[in-house]
Amino acid sequence: MTDSDPPVDELAAAIADNTAARGVDLWAVDTLGLSATKWADMTDRDPTTVARNVRRARDD
């Protein structure tokens, strides 16, 4: 990906490289700069699940 890719392309690439939830969580944390806790609050999910998804996506 390049700096000129629109966010939707980044999201699509993240999902393609990982399972959907992991890819979206990784994108929200790494690209948007949200904390796992903030993203979990925004998506009404458990923060430990989001943090685990981010760790696993980075390990993939």
PDB file of N, CA and C in Angstrom:
ATOM      1  N   MET A   1       0.832  -1.181   0.000  1.00  0.00           N
ATOM      2  CA  MET A   1       0.000   0.000   0.000  1.00  0.00           C
ATOM      3  C   MET A   1       0.874   1.239   0.000  1.00  0.00           C
ATOM      4  N   THR A   2       0.338   2.290  -0.541  1.00  0.00           N
ATOM      5  CA  THR A   2       1.056   3.553  -0.568  1.00  0.00           C
ATOM      6  C   THR A   2       0.287   4.592   0.221  1.00  0.00           C
ATOM      7  N   ASP A   3       0.930   5.738   0.429  1.00  0.00           N
ATOM      8  CA  ASP A   3       0.269   6.819   1.153  1.00  0.00           C
ATOM      9  C   ASP A   3      -0.943   7.355   0.407  1.00  0.00           C
ATOM     10  N   SER A   4      -1.022   7.106  -0.899  1.00  0.00           N
ATOM     11  CA  SER A   4      -2.134   7.636  -1.686  1.00  0.00           C
ATOM     12  C   SER A   4      -3.356   6.722  -1.703  1.00  0.00           C
ATOM     13  N   ASP A   5      -3.248   5.520  -1.132  1.00  0.00           N
ATOM     14  CA  ASP A   5      -4.401   4.617  -1.095  1.00  0.00           C
ATOM     15  C   ASP A   5      -5.489   5.194  -0.194  1.00  0.00           C
ATOM     16  N   PRO A   6      -6.730   5.223  -0.676  1.00  0.00           N
ATOM     17  CA  PRO A   6      -7.814   5.685   0.186  1.00  0.00           C
ATOM     18  C   PRO A   6      -8.022   4.705   1.339  1.00  0.00           C
ATOM     19  N   PRO A   7      -8.581   5.181   2.458  1.00  0.00           N
ATOM     20  CA  PRO A   7      -8.787   4.305   3.612  1.00  0.00           C
ATOM     21  C   PRO A   7      -9.571   3.040   3.291  1.00  0.00           C
ATOM     22  N   VAL A   8     -10.540   3.120   2.390  1.00  0.00           N
ATOM     23  CA  VAL A   8     -11.317   1.921   2.075  1.00  0.00           C
ATOM     24  C   VAL A   8     -10.431   0.853   1.434  1.00  0.00           C
ATOM     25  N   ASP A   9      -9.446   1.262   0.641  1.00  0.00           N
ATOM     26  CA  ASP A   9      -8.514   0.299   0.059  1.00  0.00           C
ATOM     27  C   ASP A   9      -7.638  -0.325   1.137  1.00  0.00           C
ATOM     28  N   GLU A  10      -7.229   0.487   2.092  1.00  0.00           N
ATOM     29  CA  GLU A  10      -6.445  -0.037   3.205  1.00  0.00           C
ATOM     30  C   GLU A  10      -7.264  -1.055   3.990  1.00  0.00           C
ATOM     31  N   LEU A  11      -8.528  -0.733   4.213  1.00  0.00           N
ATOM     32  CA  LEU A  11      -9.411  -1.648   4.928  1.00  0.00           C
ATOM     33  C   LEU A  11      -9.561  -2.949   4.161  1.00  0.00           C
ATOM     34  N   ALA A  12      -9.785  -2.856   2.874  1.00  0.00           N
ATOM     35  CA  ALA A  12      -9.937  -4.058   2.054  1.00  0.00           C
ATOM     36  C   ALA A  12      -8.680  -4.913   2.100  1.00  0.00           C
ATOM     37  N   ALA A  13      -7.520  -4.291   2.032  1.00  0.00           N
ATOM     38  CA  ALA A  13      -6.266  -5.038   2.091  1.00  0.00           C
ATOM     39  C   ALA A  13      -6.088  -5.695   3.453  1.00  0.00           C
ATOM     40  N   ALA A  14      -6.439  -4.989   4.504  1.00  0.00           N
ATOM     41  CA  ALA A  14      -6.313  -5.555   5.844  1.00  0.00           C
ATOM     42  C   ALA A  14      -7.224  -6.762   6.016  1.00  0.00           C
ATOM     43  N   ILE A  15      -8.436  -6.672   5.484  1.00  0.00           N
ATOM     44  CA  ILE A  15      -9.368  -7.790   5.586  1.00  0.00           C
ATOM     45  C   ILE A  15      -8.887  -8.964   4.744  1.00  0.00           C
ATOM     46  N   ALA A  16      -8.349  -8.688   3.576  1.00  0.00           N
ATOM     47  CA  ALA A  16      -7.873  -9.756   2.701  1.00  0.00           C
ATOM     48  C   ALA A  16      -6.704 -10.506   3.317  1.00  0.00           C
ATOM     49  N   ASP A  17      -5.871  -9.817   4.070  1.00  0.00           N
ATOM     50  CA  ASP A  17      -4.683 -10.435   4.651  1.00  0.00           C
ATOM     51  C   ASP A  17      -4.974 -11.189   5.936  1.00  0.00           C
ATOM     52  N   ASN A  18      -6.105 -10.961   6.550  1.00  0.00           N
ATOM     53  CA  ASN A  18      -6.437 -11.544   7.848  1.00  0.00           C
ATOM     54  C   ASN A  18      -7.907 -11.937   7.845  1.00  0.00           C
ATOM     55  N   THR A  19      -8.340 -12.536   8.933  1.00  0.00           N
ATOM     56  CA  THR A  19      -9.778 -12.727   9.053  1.00  0.00           C
ATOM     57  C   THR A  19     -10.403 -11.347   9.162  1.00  0.00           C
ATOM     58  N   ALA A  20     -11.646 -11.207   8.844  1.00  0.00           N
ATOM     59  CA  ALA A  20     -12.280  -9.884   8.782  1.00  0.00           C
ATOM     60  C   ALA A  20     -12.153  -9.108  10.089  1.00  0.00           C
ATOM     61  N   ALA A  21     -12.518  -9.700  11.195  1.00  0.00           N
ATOM     62  CA  ALA A  21     -12.466  -8.964  12.465  1.00  0.00           C
ATOM     63  C   ALA A  21     -11.040  -8.570  12.810  1.00  0.00           C
ATOM     64  N   ARG A  22     -10.115  -9.470  12.617  1.00  0.00           N
ATOM     65  CA  ARG A  22      -8.718  -9.147  12.914  1.00  0.00           C
ATOM     66  C   ARG A  22      -8.221  -8.023  12.029  1.00  0.00           C
ATOM     67  N   GLY A  23      -8.538  -8.106  10.754  1.00  0.00           N
ATOM     68  CA  GLY A  23      -8.084  -7.078   9.823  1.00  0.00           C
ATOM     69  C   GLY A  23      -8.664  -5.714  10.136  1.00  0.00           C
ATOM     70  N   VAL A  24      -9.942  -5.674  10.462  1.00  0.00           N
ATOM     71  CA  VAL A  24     -10.585  -4.406  10.790  1.00  0.00           C
ATOM     72  C   VAL A  24     -10.027  -3.858  12.097  1.00  0.00           C
ATOM     73  N   ASP A  25      -9.850  -4.717  13.084  1.00  0.00           N
ATOM     74  CA  ASP A  25      -9.295  -4.264  14.359  1.00  0.00           C
ATOM     75  C   ASP A  25      -7.875  -3.732  14.177  1.00  0.00           C
ATOM     76  N   LEU A  26      -7.063  -4.441  13.420  1.00  0.00           N
ATOM     77  CA  LEU A  26      -5.693  -3.991  13.164  1.00  0.00           C
ATOM     78  C   LEU A  26      -5.705  -2.647  12.442  1.00  0.00           C
ATOM     79  N   TRP A  27      -6.568  -2.501  11.452  1.00  0.00           N
ATOM     80  CA  TRP A  27      -6.670  -1.251  10.700  1.00  0.00           C
ATOM     81  C   TRP A  27      -7.070  -0.090  11.614  1.00  0.00           C
ATOM     82  N   ALA A  28      -8.045  -0.317  12.474  1.00  0.00           N
ATOM     83  CA  ALA A  28      -8.510   0.743  13.373  1.00  0.00           C
ATOM     84  C   ALA A  28      -7.409   1.178  14.333  1.00  0.00           C
ATOM     85  N   VAL A  29      -6.645   0.219  14.822  1.00  0.00           N
ATOM     86  CA  VAL A  29      -5.596   0.531  15.790  1.00  0.00           C
ATOM     87  C   VAL A  29      -4.362   1.115  15.102  1.00  0.00           C
ATOM     88  N   ASP A  30      -3.867   0.448  14.065  1.00  0.00           N
ATOM     89  CA  ASP A  30      -2.625   0.892  13.424  1.00  0.00           C
ATOM     90  C   ASP A  30      -2.813   2.079  12.488  1.00  0.00           C
ATOM     91  N   THR A  31      -3.867   2.087  11.704  1.00  0.00           N
ATOM     92  CA  THR A  31      -4.049   3.141  10.704  1.00  0.00           C
ATOM     93  C   THR A  31      -4.748   4.366  11.286  1.00  0.00           C
ATOM     94  N   LEU A  32      -5.805   4.131  12.032  1.00  0.00           N
ATOM     95  CA  LEU A  32      -6.538   5.262  12.599  1.00  0.00           C
ATOM     96  C   LEU A  32      -5.931   5.760  13.901  1.00  0.00           C
ATOM     97  N   GLY A  33      -5.085   4.940  14.524  1.00  0.00           N
ATOM     98  CA  GLY A  33      -4.426   5.348  15.756  1.00  0.00           C
ATOM     99  C   GLY A  33      -5.293   5.232  16.997  1.00  0.00           C
ATOM    100  N   LEU A  34      -6.373   4.462  16.901  1.00  0.00           N
ATOM    101  CA  LEU A  34      -7.234   4.266  18.065  1.00  0.00           C
ATOM    102  C   LEU A  34      -6.618   3.229  18.996  1.00  0.00           C
ATOM    103  N   SER A  35      -6.887   3.353  20.267  1.00  0.00           N
ATOM    104  CA  SER A  35      -6.480   2.299  21.192  1.00  0.00           C
ATOM    105  C   SER A  35      -7.451   1.136  21.045  1.00  0.00           C
ATOM    106  N   ALA A  36      -7.007  -0.036  21.441  1.00  0.00           N
ATOM    107  CA  ALA A  36      -7.894  -1.202  21.396  1.00  0.00           C
ATOM    108  C   ALA A  36      -9.125  -0.959  22.262  1.00  0.00           C
ATOM    109  N   THR A  37      -8.937  -0.298  23.392  1.00  0.00           N
ATOM    110  CA  THR A  37     -10.056  -0.012  24.290  1.00  0.00           C
ATOM    111  C   THR A  37     -11.054   0.945  23.647  1.00  0.00           C
ATOM    112  N   LYS A  38     -10.557   1.999  23.029  1.00  0.00           N
ATOM    113  CA  LYS A  38     -11.446   2.971  22.366  1.00  0.00           C
ATOM    114  C   LYS A  38     -12.216   2.301  21.230  1.00  0.00           C
ATOM    115  N   TRP A  39     -11.523   1.508  20.405  1.00  0.00           N
ATOM    116  CA  TRP A  39     -12.173   0.816  19.291  1.00  0.00           C
ATOM    117  C   TRP A  39     -13.208  -0.180  19.816  1.00  0.00           C
ATOM    118  N   ALA A  40     -12.882  -0.873  20.885  1.00  0.00           N
ATOM    119  CA  ALA A  40     -13.838  -1.813  21.481  1.00  0.00           C
ATOM    120  C   ALA A  40     -15.083  -1.073  21.965  1.00  0.00           C
ATOM    121  N   ASP A  41     -14.889   0.083  22.596  1.00  0.00           N
ATOM    122  CA  ASP A  41     -16.035   0.884  23.042  1.00  0.00           C
ATOM    123  C   ASP A  41     -16.886   1.332  21.858  1.00  0.00           C
ATOM    124  N   MET A  42     -16.228   1.753  20.791  1.00  0.00           N
ATOM    125  CA  MET A  42     -16.949   2.242  19.610  1.00  0.00           C
ATOM    126  C   MET A  42     -17.728   1.131  18.916  1.00  0.00           C
ATOM    127  N   THR A  43     -17.248  -0.107  19.019  1.00  0.00           N
ATOM    128  CA  THR A  43     -17.891  -1.233  18.340  1.00  0.00           C
ATOM    129  C   THR A  43     -18.665  -2.129  19.304  1.00  0.00           C
ATOM    130  N   ASP A  44     -18.781  -1.677  20.554  1.00  0.00           N
ATOM    131  CA  ASP A  44     -19.521  -2.415  21.589  1.00  0.00           C
ATOM    132  C   ASP A  44     -19.002  -3.841  21.741  1.00  0.00           C
ATOM    133  N   ARG A  45     -17.672  -3.956  21.850  1.00  0.00           N
ATOM    134  CA  ARG A  45     -17.035  -5.263  22.003  1.00  0.00           C
ATOM    135  C   ARG A  45     -16.109  -5.252  23.197  1.00  0.00           C
ATOM    136  N   ASP A  46     -15.688  -6.420  23.612  1.00  0.00           N
ATOM    137  CA  ASP A  46     -14.782  -6.564  24.744  1.00  0.00           C
ATOM    138  C   ASP A  46     -13.383  -6.097  24.345  1.00  0.00           C
ATOM    139  N   PRO A  47     -12.762  -5.221  25.132  1.00  0.00           N
ATOM    140  CA  PRO A  47     -11.420  -4.734  24.800  1.00  0.00           C
ATOM    141  C   PRO A  47     -10.371  -5.841  24.700  1.00  0.00           C
ATOM    142  N   THR A  48     -10.516  -6.894  25.493  1.00  0.00           N
ATOM    143  CA  THR A  48      -9.528  -7.977  25.414  1.00  0.00           C
ATOM    144  C   THR A  48      -9.641  -8.727  24.092  1.00  0.00           C
ATOM    145  N   THR A  49     -10.843  -8.818  23.551  1.00  0.00           N
ATOM    146  CA  THR A  49     -11.030  -9.463  22.249  1.00  0.00           C
ATOM    147  C   THR A  49     -10.361  -8.651  21.151  1.00  0.00           C
ATOM    148  N   VAL A  50     -10.559  -7.341  21.185  1.00  0.00           N
ATOM    149  CA  VAL A  50      -9.944  -6.472  20.179  1.00  0.00           C
ATOM    150  C   VAL A  50      -8.422  -6.545  20.291  1.00  0.00           C
ATOM    151  N   ALA A  51      -7.899  -6.439  21.495  1.00  0.00           N
ATOM    152  CA  ALA A  51      -6.446  -6.491  21.689  1.00  0.00           C
ATOM    153  C   ALA A  51      -5.880  -7.824  21.199  1.00  0.00           C
ATOM    154  N   ARG A  52      -6.581  -8.911  21.485  1.00  0.00           N
ATOM    155  CA  ARG A  52      -6.138 -10.232  21.024  1.00  0.00           C
ATOM    156  C   ARG A  52      -6.162 -10.301  19.500  1.00  0.00           C
ATOM    157  N   ASN A  53      -7.207  -9.782  18.884  1.00  0.00           N
ATOM    158  CA  ASN A  53      -7.283  -9.775  17.419  1.00  0.00           C
ATOM    159  C   ASN A  53      -6.134  -8.989  16.808  1.00  0.00           C
ATOM    160  N   VAL A  54      -5.800  -7.860  17.399  1.00  0.00           N
ATOM    161  CA  VAL A  54      -4.698  -7.038  16.887  1.00  0.00           C
ATOM    162  C   VAL A  54      -3.384  -7.802  17.008  1.00  0.00           C
ATOM    163  N   ARG A  55      -3.141  -8.415  18.154  1.00  0.00           N
ATOM    164  CA  ARG A  55      -1.909  -9.212  18.337  1.00  0.00           C
ATOM    165  C   ARG A  55      -1.833 -10.338  17.315  1.00  0.00           C
ATOM    166  N   ARG A  56      -2.916 -11.052  17.141  1.00  0.00           N
ATOM    167  CA  ARG A  56      -2.917 -12.179  16.197  1.00  0.00           C
ATOM    168  C   ARG A  56      -2.740 -11.712  14.756  1.00  0.00           C
ATOM    169  N   ALA A  57      -3.353 -10.598  14.405  1.00  0.00           N
ATOM    170  CA  ALA A  57      -3.202 -10.067  13.046  1.00  0.00           C
ATOM    171  C   ALA A  57      -1.758  -9.657  12.788  1.00  0.00           C
ATOM    172  N   ARG A  58      -1.109  -9.085  13.770  1.00  0.00           N
ATOM    173  CA  ARG A  58       0.297  -8.693  13.613  1.00  0.00           C
ATOM    174  C   ARG A  58       1.193  -9.912  13.484  1.00  0.00           C
ATOM    175  N   ASP A  59       0.812 -11.003  14.138  1.00  0.00           N
ATOM    176  CA  ASP A  59       1.603 -12.238  14.080  1.00  0.00           C
ATOM    177  C   ASP A  59       1.424 -12.987  12.768  1.00  0.00           C
ATOM    178  N   ASP A  60       0.309 -12.735  12.068  1.00  0.00           N
ATOM    179  CA  ASP A  60       0.033 -13.436  10.802  1.00  0.00           C
ATOM    180  C   ASP A  60       1.043 -13.093   9.737  1.00  0.00           C
TER     181      ASP A  60
END
